[in-house]
Amino acid sequence: MRAYLVRRGIPTDHILVDSAGNDTWSTARDASDAMRKQRLSSAIVVTQYFHLPRAMLALKRYGVSEVSGAYPRFWEVRDIYSVVREVPAFIWYAIRPLIPPTNPLRARPRDQAA
């Protein structure tokens, strides 16, 4: 996703990379914490179209006030499973308790390649 953003002109020092995120919830938790520390209040989520609502919800639940999204435009047969899977996952993200951050993110230095 980082390379996707860089190819579209986003400066590398404006991208927070989560190299330790095991799932969307922990990534949203840690990203929102890093954003608060840098006084950032908006984010763009880049993921697959079926996953976008849940990823955006997770960031909003952790206090990111402005969240928008983008996704690559392609479809695969396995997306049918993924779309169905997202329904209960979205509901869980809407009701699950918030937990404190564990792994603060940092902006990746400009000199590191994508």
PDB file of N, CA and C in Angstrom:
ATOM      1  N   MET A   1       0.821  -1.195   0.000  1.00  0.00           N
ATOM      2  CA  MET A   1       0.000   0.000   0.000  1.00  0.00           C
ATOM      3  C   MET A   1       0.863   1.256   0.000  1.00  0.00           C
ATOM      4  N   ARG A   2       2.005   1.182   0.688  1.00  0.00           N
ATOM      5  CA  ARG A   2       2.902   2.336   0.699  1.00  0.00           C
ATOM      6  C   ARG A   2       3.355   2.659  -0.724  1.00  0.00           C
ATOM      7  N   ALA A   3       3.771   1.642  -1.458  1.00  0.00           N
ATOM      8  CA  ALA A   3       4.230   1.847  -2.830  1.00  0.00           C
ATOM      9  C   ALA A   3       3.100   2.411  -3.689  1.00  0.00           C
ATOM     10  N   TYR A   4       1.886   1.946  -3.465  1.00  0.00           N
ATOM     11  CA  TYR A   4       0.711   2.442  -4.181  1.00  0.00           C
ATOM     12  C   TYR A   4       0.569   3.956  -3.976  1.00  0.00           C
ATOM     13  N   LEU A   5       0.696   4.395  -2.730  1.00  0.00           N
ATOM     14  CA  LEU A   5       0.560   5.819  -2.423  1.00  0.00           C
ATOM     15  C   LEU A   5       1.712   6.636  -3.005  1.00  0.00           C
ATOM     16  N   VAL A   6       2.920   6.126  -2.886  1.00  0.00           N
ATOM     17  CA  VAL A   6       4.092   6.839  -3.418  1.00  0.00           C
ATOM     18  C   VAL A   6       3.964   7.010  -4.927  1.00  0.00           C
ATOM     19  N   ARG A   7       3.524   5.962  -5.624  1.00  0.00           N
ATOM     20  CA  ARG A   7       3.334   6.059  -7.085  1.00  0.00           C
ATOM     21  C   ARG A   7       2.302   7.120  -7.456  1.00  0.00           C
ATOM     22  N   ARG A   8       1.417   7.419  -6.537  1.00  0.00           N
ATOM     23  CA  ARG A   8       0.385   8.431  -6.799  1.00  0.00           C
ATOM     24  C   ARG A   8       0.744   9.796  -6.241  1.00  0.00           C
ATOM     25  N   GLY A   9       2.008   9.957  -5.845  1.00  0.00           N
ATOM     26  CA  GLY A   9       2.496  11.279  -5.492  1.00  0.00           C
ATOM     27  C   GLY A   9       2.457  11.653  -4.024  1.00  0.00           C
ATOM     28  N   ILE A  10       2.105  10.734  -3.147  1.00  0.00           N
ATOM     29  CA  ILE A  10       2.098  11.056  -1.724  1.00  0.00           C
ATOM     30  C   ILE A  10       3.547  11.032  -1.221  1.00  0.00           C
ATOM     31  N   PRO A  11       4.021  12.102  -0.583  1.00  0.00           N
ATOM     32  CA  PRO A  11       5.395  12.108  -0.065  1.00  0.00           C
ATOM     33  C   PRO A  11       5.586  11.014   0.990  1.00  0.00           C
ATOM     34  N   THR A  12       6.718  10.355   0.938  1.00  0.00           N
ATOM     35  CA  THR A  12       6.953   9.238   1.851  1.00  0.00           C
ATOM     36  C   THR A  12       6.924   9.652   3.320  1.00  0.00           C
ATOM     37  N   ASP A  13       7.300  10.889   3.610  1.00  0.00           N
ATOM     38  CA  ASP A  13       7.272  11.316   5.013  1.00  0.00           C
ATOM     39  C   ASP A  13       5.862  11.637   5.502  1.00  0.00           C
ATOM     40  N   HIS A  14       4.863  11.508   4.628  1.00  0.00           N
ATOM     41  CA  HIS A  14       3.466  11.678   5.014  1.00  0.00           C
ATOM     42  C   HIS A  14       2.752  10.341   5.182  1.00  0.00           C
ATOM     43  N   ILE A  15       3.483   9.248   5.069  1.00  0.00           N
ATOM     44  CA  ILE A  15       2.884   7.918   5.140  1.00  0.00           C
ATOM     45  C   ILE A  15       3.339   7.240   6.424  1.00  0.00           C
ATOM     46  N   LEU A  16       2.395   6.792   7.231  1.00  0.00           N
ATOM     47  CA  LEU A  16       2.704   6.002   8.416  1.00  0.00           C
ATOM     48  C   LEU A  16       2.611   4.535   8.024  1.00  0.00           C
ATOM     49  N   VAL A  17       3.682   3.801   8.251  1.00  0.00           N
ATOM     50  CA  VAL A  17       3.738   2.384   7.890  1.00  0.00           C
ATOM     51  C   VAL A  17       3.645   1.554   9.153  1.00  0.00           C
ATOM     52  N   ASP A  18       2.723   0.622   9.164  1.00  0.00           N
ATOM     53  CA  ASP A  18       2.570  -0.278  10.307  1.00  0.00           C
ATOM     54  C   ASP A  18       3.185  -1.619   9.948  1.00  0.00           C
ATOM     55  N   SER A  19       4.428  -1.806  10.347  1.00  0.00           N
ATOM     56  CA  SER A  19       5.112  -3.061  10.035  1.00  0.00           C
ATOM     57  C   SER A  19       4.817  -4.146  11.063  1.00  0.00           C
ATOM     58  N   ALA A  20       4.135  -3.808  12.138  1.00  0.00           N
ATOM     59  CA  ALA A  20       3.845  -4.783  13.184  1.00  0.00           C
ATOM     60  C   ALA A  20       2.353  -5.038  13.351  1.00  0.00           C
ATOM     61  N   GLY A  21       1.532  -4.485  12.486  1.00  0.00           N
ATOM     62  CA  GLY A  21       0.086  -4.667  12.610  1.00  0.00           C
ATOM     63  C   GLY A  21      -0.322  -6.084  12.262  1.00  0.00           C
ATOM     64  N   ASN A  22      -0.892  -6.779  13.220  1.00  0.00           N
ATOM     65  CA  ASN A  22      -1.334  -8.149  12.983  1.00  0.00           C
ATOM     66  C   ASN A  22      -2.745  -8.219  12.427  1.00  0.00           C
ATOM     67  N   ASP A  23      -3.500  -7.174  12.643  1.00  0.00           N
ATOM     68  CA  ASP A  23      -4.866  -7.125  12.121  1.00  0.00           C
ATOM     69  C   ASP A  23      -5.303  -5.667  12.017  1.00  0.00           C
ATOM     70  N   THR A  24      -6.439  -5.466  11.424  1.00  0.00           N
ATOM     71  CA  THR A  24      -6.939  -4.114  11.174  1.00  0.00           C
ATOM     72  C   THR A  24      -7.174  -3.354  12.475  1.00  0.00           C
ATOM     73  N   TRP A  25      -7.721  -4.024  13.476  1.00  0.00           N
ATOM     74  CA  TRP A  25      -8.027  -3.363  14.747  1.00  0.00           C
ATOM     75  C   TRP A  25      -6.763  -2.829  15.407  1.00  0.00           C
ATOM     76  N   SER A  26      -5.709  -3.645  15.475  1.00  0.00           N
ATOM     77  CA  SER A  26      -4.471  -3.187  16.113  1.00  0.00           C
ATOM     78  C   SER A  26      -3.784  -2.108  15.286  1.00  0.00           C
ATOM     79  N   THR A  27      -3.883  -2.200  13.976  1.00  0.00           N
ATOM     80  CA  THR A  27      -3.314  -1.154  13.126  1.00  0.00           C
ATOM     81  C   THR A  27      -4.035   0.174  13.362  1.00  0.00           C
ATOM     82  N   ALA A  28      -5.361   0.140  13.431  1.00  0.00           N
ATOM     83  CA  ALA A  28      -6.126   1.369  13.689  1.00  0.00           C
ATOM     84  C   ALA A  28      -5.793   1.937  15.056  1.00  0.00           C
ATOM     85  N   ARG A  29      -5.663   1.078  16.032  1.00  0.00           N
ATOM     86  CA  ARG A  29      -5.322   1.510  17.397  1.00  0.00           C
ATOM     87  C   ARG A  29      -3.961   2.201  17.409  1.00  0.00           C
ATOM     88  N   ASP A  30      -2.959   1.555  16.836  1.00  0.00           N
ATOM     89  CA  ASP A  30      -1.609   2.106  16.874  1.00  0.00           C
ATOM     90  C   ASP A  30      -1.464   3.329  15.965  1.00  0.00           C
ATOM     91  N   ALA A  31      -2.125   3.305  14.823  1.00  0.00           N
ATOM     92  CA  ALA A  31      -2.061   4.450  13.910  1.00  0.00           C
ATOM     93  C   ALA A  31      -2.712   5.681  14.535  1.00  0.00           C
ATOM     94  N   SER A  32      -3.853   5.497  15.171  1.00  0.00           N
ATOM     95  CA  SER A  32      -4.526   6.643  15.788  1.00  0.00           C
ATOM     96  C   SER A  32      -3.688   7.228  16.918  1.00  0.00           C
ATOM     97  N   ASP A  33      -3.010   6.370  17.658  1.00  0.00           N
ATOM     98  CA  ASP A  33      -2.121   6.848  18.719  1.00  0.00           C
ATOM     99  C   ASP A  33      -0.971   7.669  18.133  1.00  0.00           C
ATOM    100  N   ALA A  34      -0.350   7.149  17.091  1.00  0.00           N
ATOM    101  CA  ALA A  34       0.749   7.875  16.434  1.00  0.00           C
ATOM    102  C   ALA A  34       0.249   9.193  15.855  1.00  0.00           C
ATOM    103  N   MET A  35      -0.957   9.179  15.297  1.00  0.00           N
ATOM    104  CA  MET A  35      -1.522  10.403  14.724  1.00  0.00           C
ATOM    105  C   MET A  35      -1.770  11.451  15.807  1.00  0.00           C
ATOM    106  N   ARG A  36      -2.306  11.032  16.934  1.00  0.00           N
ATOM    107  CA  ARG A  36      -2.542  11.976  18.036  1.00  0.00           C
ATOM    108  C   ARG A  36      -1.237  12.626  18.475  1.00  0.00           C
ATOM    109  N   LYS A  37      -0.183  11.825  18.578  1.00  0.00           N
ATOM    110  CA  LYS A  37       1.118  12.347  19.002  1.00  0.00           C
ATOM    111  C   LYS A  37       1.676  13.357  18.011  1.00  0.00           C
ATOM    112  N   GLN A  38       1.308  13.236  16.747  1.00  0.00           N
ATOM    113  CA  GLN A  38       1.778  14.159  15.716  1.00  0.00           C
ATOM    114  C   GLN A  38       0.731  15.230  15.391  1.00  0.00           C
ATOM    115  N   ARG A  39      -0.336  15.252  16.171  1.00  0.00           N
ATOM    116  CA  ARG A  39      -1.434  16.211  15.997  1.00  0.00           C
ATOM    117  C   ARG A  39      -2.074  16.117  14.610  1.00  0.00           C
ATOM    118  N   LEU A  40      -2.261  14.899  14.139  1.00  0.00           N
ATOM    119  CA  LEU A  40      -2.932  14.644  12.866  1.00  0.00           C
ATOM    120  C   LEU A  40      -4.355  14.186  13.151  1.00  0.00           C
ATOM    121  N   SER A  41      -5.300  14.610  12.325  1.00  0.00           N
ATOM    122  CA  SER A  41      -6.691  14.259  12.600  1.00  0.00           C
ATOM    123  C   SER A  41      -7.410  13.624  11.413  1.00  0.00           C
ATOM    124  N   SER A  42      -6.709  13.415  10.310  1.00  0.00           N
ATOM    125  CA  SER A  42      -7.374  12.797   9.165  1.00  0.00           C
ATOM    126  C   SER A  42      -6.476  11.713   8.570  1.00  0.00           C
ATOM    127  N   ALA A  43      -7.136  10.734   7.948  1.00  0.00           N
ATOM    128  CA  ALA A  43      -6.398   9.612   7.359  1.00  0.00           C
ATOM    129  C   ALA A  43      -7.099   9.151   6.086  1.00  0.00           C
ATOM    130  N   ILE A  44      -6.315   8.583   5.205  1.00  0.00           N
ATOM    131  CA  ILE A  44      -6.848   7.906   4.028  1.00  0.00           C
ATOM    132  C   ILE A  44      -6.475   6.436   4.162  1.00  0.00           C
ATOM    133  N   VAL A  45      -7.474   5.587   4.157  1.00  0.00           N
ATOM    134  CA  VAL A  45      -7.261   4.144   4.238  1.00  0.00           C
ATOM    135  C   VAL A  45      -7.191   3.606   2.815  1.00  0.00           C
ATOM    136  N   VAL A  46      -6.151   2.839   2.525  1.00  0.00           N
ATOM    137  CA  VAL A  46      -6.025   2.193   1.219  1.00  0.00           C
ATOM    138  C   VAL A  46      -6.043   0.694   1.457  1.00  0.00           C
ATOM    139  N   THR A  47      -7.071   0.035   0.958  1.00  0.00           N
ATOM    140  CA  THR A  47      -7.235  -1.406   1.136  1.00  0.00           C
ATOM    141  C   THR A  47      -8.165  -1.924   0.051  1.00  0.00           C
ATOM    142  N   GLN A  48      -8.589  -3.161   0.157  1.00  0.00           N
ATOM    143  CA  GLN A  48      -9.531  -3.700  -0.824  1.00  0.00           C
ATOM    144  C   GLN A  48     -10.919  -3.143  -0.544  1.00  0.00           C
ATOM    145  N   TYR A  49     -11.731  -3.010  -1.594  1.00  0.00           N
ATOM    146  CA  TYR A  49     -13.028  -2.336  -1.480  1.00  0.00           C
ATOM    147  C   TYR A  49     -13.920  -2.941  -0.402  1.00  0.00           C
ATOM    148  N   PHE A  50     -13.914  -4.248  -0.255  1.00  0.00           N
ATOM    149  CA  PHE A  50     -14.798  -4.891   0.720  1.00  0.00           C
ATOM    150  C   PHE A  50     -14.338  -4.664   2.155  1.00  0.00           C
ATOM    151  N   HIS A  51     -13.084  -4.338   2.337  1.00  0.00           N
ATOM    152  CA  HIS A  51     -12.516  -4.151   3.669  1.00  0.00           C
ATOM    153  C   HIS A  51     -12.548  -2.684   4.121  1.00  0.00           C
ATOM    154  N   LEU A  52     -12.762  -1.795   3.188  1.00  0.00           N
ATOM    155  CA  LEU A  52     -12.696  -0.363   3.464  1.00  0.00           C
ATOM    156  C   LEU A  52     -13.642   0.104   4.572  1.00  0.00           C
ATOM    157  N   PRO A  53     -14.938  -0.267   4.568  1.00  0.00           N
ATOM    158  CA  PRO A  53     -15.817   0.233   5.640  1.00  0.00           C
ATOM    159  C   PRO A  53     -15.348  -0.160   7.039  1.00  0.00           C
ATOM    160  N   ARG A  54     -14.870  -1.396   7.205  1.00  0.00           N
ATOM    161  CA  ARG A  54     -14.431  -1.840   8.531  1.00  0.00           C
ATOM    162  C   ARG A  54     -13.149  -1.138   8.952  1.00  0.00           C
ATOM    163  N   ALA A  55     -12.220  -0.959   8.038  1.00  0.00           N
ATOM    164  CA  ALA A  55     -10.970  -0.267   8.373  1.00  0.00           C
ATOM    165  C   ALA A  55     -11.250   1.193   8.750  1.00  0.00           C
ATOM    166  N   MET A  56     -12.139   1.828   8.006  1.00  0.00           N
ATOM    167  CA  MET A  56     -12.484   3.216   8.318  1.00  0.00           C
ATOM    168  C   MET A  56     -13.190   3.310   9.671  1.00  0.00           C
ATOM    169  N   LEU A  57     -14.090   2.366   9.934  1.00  0.00           N
ATOM    170  CA  LEU A  57     -14.787   2.341  11.217  1.00  0.00           C
ATOM    171  C   LEU A  57     -13.805   2.196  12.377  1.00  0.00           C
ATOM    172  N   ALA A  58     -12.831   1.326  12.237  1.00  0.00           N
ATOM    173  CA  ALA A  58     -11.855   1.120  13.305  1.00  0.00           C
ATOM    174  C   ALA A  58     -11.108   2.414  13.627  1.00  0.00           C
ATOM    175  N   LEU A  59     -10.673   3.128  12.609  1.00  0.00           N
ATOM    176  CA  LEU A  59      -9.987   4.403  12.852  1.00  0.00           C
ATOM    177  C   LEU A  59     -10.915   5.412  13.526  1.00  0.00           C
ATOM    178  N   LYS A  60     -12.144   5.489  13.066  1.00  0.00           N
ATOM    179  CA  LYS A  60     -13.097   6.419  13.685  1.00  0.00           C
ATOM    180  C   LYS A  60     -13.357   6.047  15.137  1.00  0.00           C
ATOM    181  N   ARG A  61     -13.471   4.755  15.420  1.00  0.00           N
ATOM    182  CA  ARG A  61     -13.681   4.318  16.808  1.00  0.00           C
ATOM    183  C   ARG A  61     -12.514   4.733  17.695  1.00  0.00           C
ATOM    184  N   TYR A  62     -11.312   4.793  17.132  1.00  0.00           N
ATOM    185  CA  TYR A  62     -10.140   5.199  17.899  1.00  0.00           C
ATOM    186  C   TYR A  62      -9.879   6.700  17.818  1.00  0.00           C
ATOM    187  N   GLY A  63     -10.851   7.470  17.338  1.00  0.00           N
ATOM    188  CA  GLY A  63     -10.779   8.913  17.463  1.00  0.00           C
ATOM    189  C   GLY A  63     -10.249   9.695  16.278  1.00  0.00           C
ATOM    190  N   VAL A  64     -10.003   9.056  15.150  1.00  0.00           N
ATOM    191  CA  VAL A  64      -9.576   9.801  13.965  1.00  0.00           C
ATOM    192  C   VAL A  64     -10.838  10.438  13.377  1.00  0.00           C
ATOM    193  N   SER A  65     -10.877  11.755  13.357  1.00  0.00           N
ATOM    194  CA  SER A  65     -12.123  12.447  13.032  1.00  0.00           C
ATOM    195  C   SER A  65     -12.484  12.425  11.551  1.00  0.00           C
ATOM    196  N   GLU A  66     -11.504  12.477  10.685  1.00  0.00           N
ATOM    197  CA  GLU A  66     -11.781  12.475   9.242  1.00  0.00           C
ATOM    198  C   GLU A  66     -11.078  11.283   8.611  1.00  0.00           C
ATOM    199  N   VAL A  67     -11.874  10.354   8.096  1.00  0.00           N
ATOM    200  CA  VAL A  67     -11.320   9.158   7.473  1.00  0.00           C
ATOM    201  C   VAL A  67     -11.967   8.979   6.105  1.00  0.00           C
ATOM    202  N   SER A  68     -11.137   8.869   5.093  1.00  0.00           N
ATOM    203  CA  SER A  68     -11.633   8.552   3.757  1.00  0.00           C
ATOM    204  C   SER A  68     -10.885   7.326   3.261  1.00  0.00           C
ATOM    205  N   GLY A  69     -11.244   6.854   2.084  1.00  0.00           N
ATOM    206  CA  GLY A  69     -10.621   5.624   1.633  1.00  0.00           C
ATOM    207  C   GLY A  69     -10.429   5.557   0.133  1.00  0.00           C
ATOM    208  N   ALA A  70      -9.535   4.658  -0.256  1.00  0.00           N
ATOM    209  CA  ALA A  70      -9.269   4.378  -1.666  1.00  0.00           C
ATOM    210  C   ALA A  70      -8.962   2.893  -1.788  1.00  0.00           C
ATOM    211  N   TYR A  71      -9.190   2.359  -2.968  1.00  0.00           N
ATOM    212  CA  TYR A  71      -8.916   0.947  -3.194  1.00  0.00           C
ATOM    213  C   TYR A  71      -8.563   0.718  -4.658  1.00  0.00           C
ATOM    214  N   PRO A  72      -7.744  -0.314  -4.916  1.00  0.00           N
ATOM    215  CA  PRO A  72      -7.447  -0.660  -6.302  1.00  0.00           C
ATOM    216  C   PRO A  72      -8.696  -1.258  -6.948  1.00  0.00           C
ATOM    217  N   ARG A  73      -8.889  -0.986  -8.196  1.00  0.00           N
ATOM    218  CA  ARG A  73     -10.117  -1.400  -8.879  1.00  0.00           C
ATOM    219  C   ARG A  73      -9.920  -2.741  -9.595  1.00  0.00           C
ATOM    220  N   PHE A  74     -10.120  -3.813  -8.834  1.00  0.00           N
ATOM    221  CA  PHE A  74     -10.135  -5.145  -9.427  1.00  0.00           C
ATOM    222  C   PHE A  74     -11.036  -6.032  -8.594  1.00  0.00           C
ATOM    223  N   TRP A  75     -11.453  -7.130  -9.196  1.00  0.00           N
ATOM    224  CA  TRP A  75     -12.366  -8.063  -8.546  1.00  0.00           C
ATOM    225  C   TRP A  75     -11.872  -9.474  -8.787  1.00  0.00           C
ATOM    226  N   GLU A  76     -12.022 -10.330  -7.778  1.00  0.00           N
ATOM    227  CA  GLU A  76     -11.674 -11.739  -7.891  1.00  0.00           C
ATOM    228  C   GLU A  76     -12.837 -12.573  -7.355  1.00  0.00           C
ATOM    229  N   VAL A  77     -12.936 -13.820  -7.768  1.00  0.00           N
ATOM    230  CA  VAL A  77     -14.015 -14.693  -7.308  1.00  0.00           C
ATOM    231  C   VAL A  77     -14.008 -14.822  -5.786  1.00  0.00           C
ATOM    232  N   ARG A  78     -12.826 -14.873  -5.183  1.00  0.00           N
ATOM    233  CA  ARG A  78     -12.766 -15.016  -3.729  1.00  0.00           C
ATOM    234  C   ARG A  78     -13.323 -13.804  -2.994  1.00  0.00           C
ATOM    235  N   ASP A  79     -13.570 -12.707  -3.709  1.00  0.00           N
ATOM    236  CA  ASP A  79     -14.177 -11.533  -3.078  1.00  0.00           C
ATOM    237  C   ASP A  79     -15.574 -11.850  -2.551  1.00  0.00           C
ATOM    238  N   ILE A  80     -16.245 -12.824  -3.129  1.00  0.00           N
ATOM    239  CA  ILE A  80     -17.580 -13.204  -2.634  1.00  0.00           C
ATOM    240  C   ILE A  80     -17.475 -13.621  -1.172  1.00  0.00           C
ATOM    241  N   TYR A  81     -16.525 -14.498  -0.867  1.00  0.00           N
ATOM    242  CA  TYR A  81     -16.284 -14.895   0.525  1.00  0.00           C
ATOM    243  C   TYR A  81     -15.923 -13.680   1.376  1.00  0.00           C
ATOM    244  N   SER A  82     -15.044 -12.836   0.856  1.00  0.00           N
ATOM    245  CA  SER A  82     -14.557 -11.694   1.628  1.00  0.00           C
ATOM    246  C   SER A  82     -15.682 -10.718   1.956  1.00  0.00           C
ATOM    247  N   VAL A  83     -16.573 -10.480   1.024  1.00  0.00           N
ATOM    248  CA  VAL A  83     -17.702  -9.571   1.265  1.00  0.00           C
ATOM    249  C   VAL A  83     -18.594 -10.141   2.369  1.00  0.00           C
ATOM    250  N   VAL A  84     -18.891 -11.440   2.283  1.00  0.00           N
ATOM    251  CA  VAL A  84     -19.730 -12.083   3.303  1.00  0.00           C
ATOM    252  C   VAL A  84     -19.042 -12.035   4.670  1.00  0.00           C
ATOM    253  N   ARG A  85     -17.745 -12.253   4.699  1.00  0.00           N
ATOM    254  CA  ARG A  85     -16.976 -12.242   5.942  1.00  0.00           C
ATOM    255  C   ARG A  85     -16.982 -10.869   6.597  1.00  0.00           C
ATOM    256  N   GLU A  86     -17.028  -9.822   5.804  1.00  0.00           N
ATOM    257  CA  GLU A  86     -16.959  -8.464   6.345  1.00  0.00           C
ATOM    258  C   GLU A  86     -18.209  -8.071   7.123  1.00  0.00           C
ATOM    259  N   VAL A  87     -19.339  -8.665   6.847  1.00  0.00           N
ATOM    260  CA  VAL A  87     -20.573  -8.264   7.546  1.00  0.00           C
ATOM    261  C   VAL A  87     -20.464  -8.513   9.049  1.00  0.00           C
ATOM    262  N   PRO A  88     -20.208  -9.750   9.505  1.00  0.00           N
ATOM    263  CA  PRO A  88     -20.074  -9.921  10.964  1.00  0.00           C
ATOM    264  C   PRO A  88     -18.846  -9.211  11.528  1.00  0.00           C
ATOM    265  N   ALA A  89     -17.790  -9.105  10.741  1.00  0.00           N
ATOM    266  CA  ALA A  89     -16.591  -8.415  11.220  1.00  0.00           C
ATOM    267  C   ALA A  89     -16.881  -6.937  11.453  1.00  0.00           C
ATOM    268  N   PHE A  90     -17.655  -6.312  10.567  1.00  0.00           N
ATOM    269  CA  PHE A  90     -18.020  -4.910  10.738  1.00  0.00           C
ATOM    270  C   PHE A  90     -18.852  -4.728  12.014  1.00  0.00           C
ATOM    271  N   ILE A  91     -19.799  -5.621  12.229  1.00  0.00           N
ATOM    272  CA  ILE A  91     -20.632  -5.537  13.433  1.00  0.00           C
ATOM    273  C   ILE A  91     -19.762  -5.665  14.681  1.00  0.00           C
ATOM    274  N   TRP A  92     -18.814  -6.603  14.672  1.00  0.00           N
ATOM    275  CA  TRP A  92     -17.910  -6.771  15.809  1.00  0.00           C
ATOM    276  C   TRP A  92     -17.104  -5.502  16.047  1.00  0.00           C
ATOM    277  N   TYR A  93     -16.594  -4.889  14.996  1.00  0.00           N
ATOM    278  CA  TYR A  93     -15.812  -3.656  15.154  1.00  0.00           C
ATOM    279  C   TYR A  93     -16.668  -2.512  15.694  1.00  0.00           C
ATOM    280  N   ALA A  94     -17.952  -2.531  15.402  1.00  0.00           N
ATOM    281  CA  ALA A  94     -18.843  -1.474  15.884  1.00  0.00           C
ATOM    282  C   ALA A  94     -19.093  -1.574  17.387  1.00  0.00           C
ATOM    283  N   ILE A  95     -18.976  -2.792  17.954  1.00  0.00           N
ATOM    284  CA  ILE A  95     -19.312  -2.969  19.370  1.00  0.00           C
ATOM    285  C   ILE A  95     -18.134  -3.359  20.256  1.00  0.00           C
ATOM    286  N   ARG A  96     -17.012  -3.782  19.687  1.00  0.00           N
ATOM    287  CA  ARG A  96     -15.913  -4.289  20.518  1.00  0.00           C
ATOM    288  C   ARG A  96     -15.286  -3.181  21.353  1.00  0.00           C
ATOM    289  N   PRO A  97     -14.772  -3.520  22.523  1.00  0.00           N
ATOM    290  CA  PRO A  97     -14.171  -2.508  23.391  1.00  0.00           C
ATOM    291  C   PRO A  97     -12.831  -2.011  22.843  1.00  0.00           C
ATOM    292  N   LEU A  98     -12.563  -0.753  23.119  1.00  0.00           N
ATOM    293  CA  LEU A  98     -11.281  -0.170  22.726  1.00  0.00           C
ATOM    294  C   LEU A  98     -10.196  -0.654  23.681  1.00  0.00           C
ATOM    295  N   ILE A  99      -8.994  -0.847  23.152  1.00  0.00           N
ATOM    296  CA  ILE A  99      -7.865  -1.251  23.981  1.00  0.00           C
ATOM    297  C   ILE A  99      -6.717  -0.275  23.747  1.00  0.00           C
ATOM    298  N   PRO A 100      -5.839  -0.084  24.749  1.00  0.00           N
ATOM    299  CA  PRO A 100      -4.766   0.900  24.604  1.00  0.00           C
ATOM    300  C   PRO A 100      -3.736   0.498  23.549  1.00  0.00           C
ATOM    301  N   PRO A 101      -3.070   1.472  22.948  1.00  0.00           N
ATOM    302  CA  PRO A 101      -2.058   1.189  21.927  1.00  0.00           C
ATOM    303  C   PRO A 101      -0.861   0.445  22.516  1.00  0.00           C
ATOM    304  N   THR A 102      -0.222  -0.350  21.654  1.00  0.00           N
ATOM    305  CA  THR A 102       0.936  -1.117  22.103  1.00  0.00           C
ATOM    306  C   THR A 102       2.171  -0.884  21.251  1.00  0.00           C
ATOM    307  N   ASN A 103       1.987  -0.439  20.016  1.00  0.00           N
ATOM    308  CA  ASN A 103       3.126  -0.339  19.103  1.00  0.00           C
ATOM    309  C   ASN A 103       3.026   0.960  18.306  1.00  0.00           C
ATOM    310  N   PRO A 104       3.601   2.048  18.806  1.00  0.00           N
ATOM    311  CA  PRO A 104       3.478   3.313  18.084  1.00  0.00           C
ATOM    312  C   PRO A 104       4.126   3.239  16.707  1.00  0.00           C
ATOM    313  N   LEU A 105       3.484   3.857  15.761  1.00  0.00           N
ATOM    314  CA  LEU A 105       3.991   3.904  14.395  1.00  0.00           C
ATOM    315  C   LEU A 105       4.835   5.143  14.197  1.00  0.00           C
ATOM    316  N   ARG A 106       5.674   5.092  13.216  1.00  0.00           N
ATOM    317  CA  ARG A 106       6.492   6.251  12.857  1.00  0.00           C
ATOM    318  C   ARG A 106       6.437   6.435  11.360  1.00  0.00           C
ATOM    319  N   ALA A 107       6.612   7.679  10.936  1.00  0.00           N
ATOM    320  CA  ALA A 107       6.735   7.928   9.502  1.00  0.00           C
ATOM    321  C   ALA A 107       8.030   7.278   9.029  1.00  0.00           C
ATOM    322  N   ARG A 108       7.973   6.640   7.906  1.00  0.00           N
ATOM    323  CA  ARG A 108       9.159   5.968   7.353  1.00  0.00           C
ATOM    324  C   ARG A 108      10.109   7.002   6.780  1.00  0.00           C
ATOM    325  N   PRO A 109      11.416   6.913   7.057  1.00  0.00           N
ATOM    326  CA  PRO A 109      12.360   7.882   6.501  1.00  0.00           C
ATOM    327  C   PRO A 109      12.308   7.903   4.978  1.00  0.00           C
ATOM    328  N   ARG A 110      12.550   9.062   4.403  1.00  0.00           N
ATOM    329  CA  ARG A 110      12.474   9.250   2.955  1.00  0.00           C
ATOM    330  C   ARG A 110      13.441   8.368   2.185  1.00  0.00           C
ATOM    331  N   ASP A 111      14.585   8.048   2.766  1.00  0.00           N
ATOM    332  CA  ASP A 111      15.600   7.340   2.006  1.00  0.00           C
ATOM    333  C   ASP A 111      15.357   5.836   1.909  1.00  0.00           C
ATOM    334  N   GLN A 112      14.319   5.305   2.572  1.00  0.00           N
ATOM    335  CA  GLN A 112      14.027   3.885   2.462  1.00  0.00           C
ATOM    336  C   GLN A 112      13.143   3.616   1.253  1.00  0.00           C
ATOM    337  N   ALA A 113      13.488   2.639   0.498  1.00  0.00           N
ATOM    338  CA  ALA A 113      12.752   2.308  -0.730  1.00  0.00           C
ATOM    339  C   ALA A 113      11.427   1.655  -0.406  1.00  0.00           C
ATOM    340  N   ALA A 114      10.513   1.768  -1.342  1.00  0.00           N
ATOM    341  CA  ALA A 114       9.194   1.147  -1.188  1.00  0.00           C
ATOM    342  C   ALA A 114       9.298  -0.351  -1.373  1.00  0.00           C
TER     343      ALA A 114
END
